[in-house]
Amino acid sequence: MSVTTSTPPVQPSVAPAPVARTASTAVAPPAPVVDVTPHRAGSRVNWRLVIMLSVVAVPFLWIGYMLVTQLVTGGVSRHGDYYAVDLKALGYFTFDQEAGTVADVPERFRQLDGKKIQLEGYMYNPSSAGSRGTEFQFVYNVTKCCFSGPPLVQERVYGHVTKGDVPLFDMFTFARVTGTLHVRVVRDDGGAIHSVYHLDVDKAEAVKG
């Protein structure tokens, strides 16, 4: 009698199901590092640059100041008992060299007639009698009157020394003169206009610097 042995059927192997990650098991990326060191804005100032820019700006500021002053004062400003007058402004207007009259001189300059004024410029006197002469022409730019032709008649102030202790300077010395101004048209023997401004000089000094 034969015995039959039954073999149980082989079950196929099943791979374990993947385990799903939940929010609690997920690995978070590393947090960025934040620099919490305080920064001090403007803590370093380039003083060398500041000083250099200041030095460069000074001439332009001075020129601007002078231009504004000319526009505001018209070249005339009062200082105590005298008027400081810009010599270039004093002659900077249109004037007929043959038929001009006092009426052609700007009013602000006509009003200086008989007043004590102070001018800065250069002495020029083709017939100078040394440092103790008695007359000279006063101009704002000596090169214009001596090397590129004479200045216009209204650009010259004829100085007359009224005191013996007033020095005269050479035409290359920048000088300051003080005296009484006379605004009048003076003609020579031929009828040509010789001068518009005359100054009775009380004081003269060289301007240093």
Protein backbone atom coordinates (compact mmCIF):
# COMPACT_ATOMS: atom_id res chain seq x y z
CA MET A 1 0.00 0.00 0.00
CA SER A 2 1.58 3.15 -1.09
CA VAL A 3 1.58 6.33 1.01
CA THR A 4 1.34 9.62 -0.79
CA THR A 5 2.95 12.56 0.94
CA SER A 6 1.38 15.93 0.05
CA THR A 7 3.69 18.93 -0.19
CA PRO A 8 2.11 22.20 0.81
CA PRO A 9 2.07 24.82 -1.96
CA VAL A 10 4.89 27.35 -1.95
CA GLN A 11 3.67 30.91 -1.26
CA PRO A 12 5.30 33.62 -3.35
CA SER A 13 7.50 36.03 -1.40
CA VAL A 14 6.07 39.46 -1.01
CA ALA A 15 8.40 42.50 -0.52
CA PRO A 16 7.54 44.60 2.49
CA ALA A 17 5.58 47.71 1.62
CA PRO A 18 7.55 50.96 1.95
CA VAL A 19 6.83 52.91 5.02
CA ALA A 20 5.50 56.35 4.18
CA ARG A 21 7.23 59.26 5.91
CA THR A 22 4.99 61.49 7.85
CA ALA A 23 5.58 65.10 8.78
CA SER A 24 6.92 63.91 12.10
CA THR A 25 9.50 61.65 10.55
CA ALA A 26 10.68 63.86 7.59
CA VAL A 27 14.20 65.30 7.87
CA ALA A 28 14.15 69.12 7.62
CA PRO A 29 16.93 70.92 5.64
CA PRO A 30 19.48 72.80 7.74
CA ALA A 31 18.42 76.34 8.65
CA PRO A 32 20.48 79.17 7.05
CA VAL A 33 23.01 80.88 9.25
CA VAL A 34 22.01 84.48 9.93
CA ASP A 35 24.72 87.02 10.73
CA VAL A 36 23.44 88.90 13.74
CA THR A 37 26.56 91.02 14.11
CA PRO A 38 25.43 94.68 14.24
CA HIS A 39 26.75 96.89 11.45
CA ARG A 40 27.60 100.49 12.26
CA ALA A 41 26.57 102.59 9.26
CA GLY A 42 28.94 105.39 8.41
CA SER A 43 31.42 104.42 11.06
CA ARG A 44 34.36 105.14 8.76
CA VAL A 45 34.80 108.56 7.15
CA ASN A 46 37.46 109.20 4.54
CA TRP A 47 38.77 112.44 5.99
CA ARG A 48 41.47 112.71 3.35
CA LEU A 49 38.80 112.78 0.64
CA VAL A 50 36.73 115.29 2.58
CA ILE A 51 39.70 117.65 3.00
CA MET A 52 40.69 117.34 -0.67
CA LEU A 53 37.16 118.14 -1.87
CA SER A 54 36.99 121.11 0.50
CA VAL A 55 40.26 122.53 -0.81
CA VAL A 56 39.11 122.12 -4.42
CA ALA A 57 35.75 123.77 -3.68
CA VAL A 58 37.14 126.89 -1.95
CA PRO A 59 38.14 128.81 -5.16
CA PHE A 60 34.77 128.12 -6.77
CA LEU A 61 32.91 129.22 -3.66
CA TRP A 62 34.96 132.41 -3.54
CA ILE A 63 34.26 133.17 -7.21
CA GLY A 64 30.57 132.54 -6.63
CA TYR A 65 30.59 134.82 -3.63
CA MET A 66 32.25 137.62 -5.58
CA LEU A 67 29.77 137.30 -8.45
CA VAL A 68 26.80 137.39 -6.11
CA THR A 69 28.29 140.37 -4.28
CA GLN A 70 28.70 142.25 -7.57
CA LEU A 71 25.10 141.58 -8.52
CA VAL A 72 23.77 142.69 -5.14
CA THR A 73 25.94 145.77 -4.54
CA GLY A 74 26.69 146.85 -8.11
CA GLY A 75 30.35 147.20 -7.14
CA VAL A 76 29.72 149.74 -4.36
CA SER A 77 29.53 148.93 -0.66
CA ARG A 78 29.69 151.25 2.32
CA HIS A 79 32.22 150.77 5.12
CA GLY A 80 31.95 153.38 7.83
CA ASP A 81 32.94 156.76 6.42
CA TYR A 82 33.97 155.55 2.97
CA TYR A 83 32.68 153.46 0.06
CA ALA A 84 34.58 150.46 -1.23
CA VAL A 85 34.26 150.55 -5.02
CA ASP A 86 35.18 147.82 -7.46
CA LEU A 87 37.47 149.49 -9.97
CA LYS A 88 36.50 147.22 -12.85
CA ALA A 89 32.79 147.79 -12.22
CA LEU A 90 33.41 151.55 -12.07
CA GLY A 91 34.29 151.58 -15.77
CA TYR A 92 32.19 148.66 -16.99
CA PHE A 93 29.55 150.49 -19.01
CA THR A 94 29.11 151.87 -22.51
CA PHE A 95 30.44 155.39 -22.92
CA ASP A 96 30.91 157.37 -26.10
CA GLN A 97 34.62 158.24 -26.22
CA GLU A 98 33.95 161.44 -28.17
CA ALA A 99 30.47 162.66 -27.23
CA GLY A 100 29.90 161.09 -23.82
CA THR A 101 28.50 163.13 -20.92
CA VAL A 102 28.18 162.69 -17.17
CA ALA A 103 24.59 161.57 -17.75
CA ASP A 104 25.98 158.46 -19.45
CA VAL A 105 27.68 157.37 -16.22
CA PRO A 106 25.49 154.96 -14.20
CA GLU A 107 23.63 156.70 -11.40
CA ARG A 108 25.19 154.61 -8.64
CA PHE A 109 28.59 155.97 -9.69
CA ARG A 110 27.40 159.55 -10.19
CA GLN A 111 26.18 159.48 -6.61
CA LEU A 112 29.78 158.93 -5.48
CA ASP A 113 30.77 162.41 -6.64
CA GLY A 114 32.37 164.20 -3.70
CA LYS A 115 32.35 161.04 -1.57
CA LYS A 116 35.29 159.31 0.08
CA ILE A 117 36.01 156.01 -1.67
CA GLN A 118 38.57 153.22 -1.65
CA LEU A 119 39.87 151.48 -4.77
CA GLU A 120 42.23 148.58 -5.45
CA GLY A 121 44.26 148.28 -8.63
CA TYR A 122 47.51 149.35 -10.26
CA MET A 123 49.16 152.72 -10.66
CA TYR A 124 50.29 153.70 -14.12
CA ASN A 125 51.98 156.98 -14.89
CA PRO A 126 54.00 157.38 -18.07
CA SER A 127 55.51 160.60 -16.70
CA SER A 128 56.17 159.32 -13.19
CA ALA A 129 58.45 161.39 -11.00
CA GLY A 130 59.48 158.47 -8.81
CA SER A 131 57.85 157.28 -5.60
CA ARG A 132 56.94 160.86 -4.62
CA GLY A 133 55.11 161.93 -7.76
CA THR A 134 51.84 163.81 -7.61
CA GLU A 135 49.74 162.22 -10.37
CA PHE A 136 49.02 158.77 -11.73
CA GLN A 137 46.38 156.78 -13.56
CA PHE A 138 44.71 154.02 -11.58
CA VAL A 139 43.54 150.95 -13.53
CA TYR A 140 42.24 147.50 -12.60
CA ASN A 141 44.42 145.67 -15.12
CA VAL A 142 47.89 147.05 -15.83
CA THR A 143 48.50 144.69 -18.76
CA LYS A 144 45.49 146.14 -20.58
CA CYS A 145 46.74 149.71 -20.35
CA CYS A 146 50.39 148.97 -21.00
CA PHE A 147 50.63 146.03 -23.38
CA SER A 148 47.37 145.63 -25.28
CA GLY A 149 46.41 149.23 -25.84
CA PRO A 150 45.12 151.94 -23.51
CA PRO A 151 41.95 151.37 -21.49
CA LEU A 152 38.80 153.29 -22.30
CA VAL A 153 38.45 156.71 -20.73
CA GLN A 154 35.88 155.49 -18.19
CA GLU A 155 38.20 152.66 -17.15
CA ARG A 156 40.81 155.06 -15.75
CA VAL A 157 40.80 157.04 -12.54
CA TYR A 158 43.18 159.99 -12.49
CA GLY A 159 44.77 160.24 -9.08
CA HIS A 160 46.09 163.50 -7.64
CA VAL A 161 48.18 163.32 -4.50
CA THR A 162 47.16 166.05 -2.06
CA LYS A 163 49.62 165.19 0.70
CA GLY A 164 53.38 164.93 0.59
CA ASP A 165 53.54 161.66 2.52
CA VAL A 166 51.51 159.57 0.05
CA PRO A 167 53.75 157.04 -1.74
CA LEU A 168 53.39 155.98 -5.37
CA PHE A 169 54.16 152.45 -6.56
CA ASP A 170 55.37 150.87 -9.76
CA MET A 171 52.82 149.52 -12.21
CA PHE A 172 53.32 145.92 -11.07
CA THR A 173 52.40 146.53 -7.42
CA PHE A 174 48.80 145.86 -6.48
CA ALA A 175 47.78 148.88 -4.42
CA ARG A 176 44.90 150.32 -2.43
CA VAL A 177 44.12 154.04 -2.58
CA THR A 178 41.68 156.14 -0.59
CA GLY A 179 40.45 159.62 -1.39
CA THR A 180 37.64 161.87 -2.61
CA LEU A 181 36.14 161.00 -5.99
CA HIS A 182 35.03 163.57 -8.57
CA VAL A 183 32.79 162.47 -11.45
CA ARG A 184 33.05 164.93 -14.30
CA VAL A 185 33.86 164.89 -18.01
CA VAL A 186 37.09 166.78 -18.67
CA ARG A 187 38.15 167.60 -22.23
CA ASP A 188 41.59 168.51 -23.51
CA ASP A 189 42.43 171.56 -25.57
CA GLY A 190 41.38 169.76 -28.73
CA GLY A 191 37.92 168.94 -27.40
CA ALA A 192 38.59 165.21 -26.90
CA ILE A 193 37.44 163.62 -23.66
CA HIS A 194 40.44 163.29 -21.36
CA SER A 195 38.87 161.83 -18.22
CA VAL A 196 35.67 160.98 -16.36
CA TYR A 197 36.94 160.17 -12.88
CA HIS A 198 39.37 162.12 -10.68
CA LEU A 199 40.51 161.14 -7.20
CA ASP A 200 42.08 163.40 -4.60
CA VAL A 201 44.29 160.81 -2.93
CA ASP A 202 44.72 160.93 0.85
CA LYS A 203 46.26 157.50 1.36
CA ALA A 204 47.99 154.80 -0.68
CA GLU A 205 49.36 151.43 0.39
CA ALA A 206 50.56 148.22 -1.19
CA VAL A 207 48.23 145.24 -0.84
CA LYS A 208 50.13 142.23 0.42
CA GLY A 209 49.14 138.66 -0.29
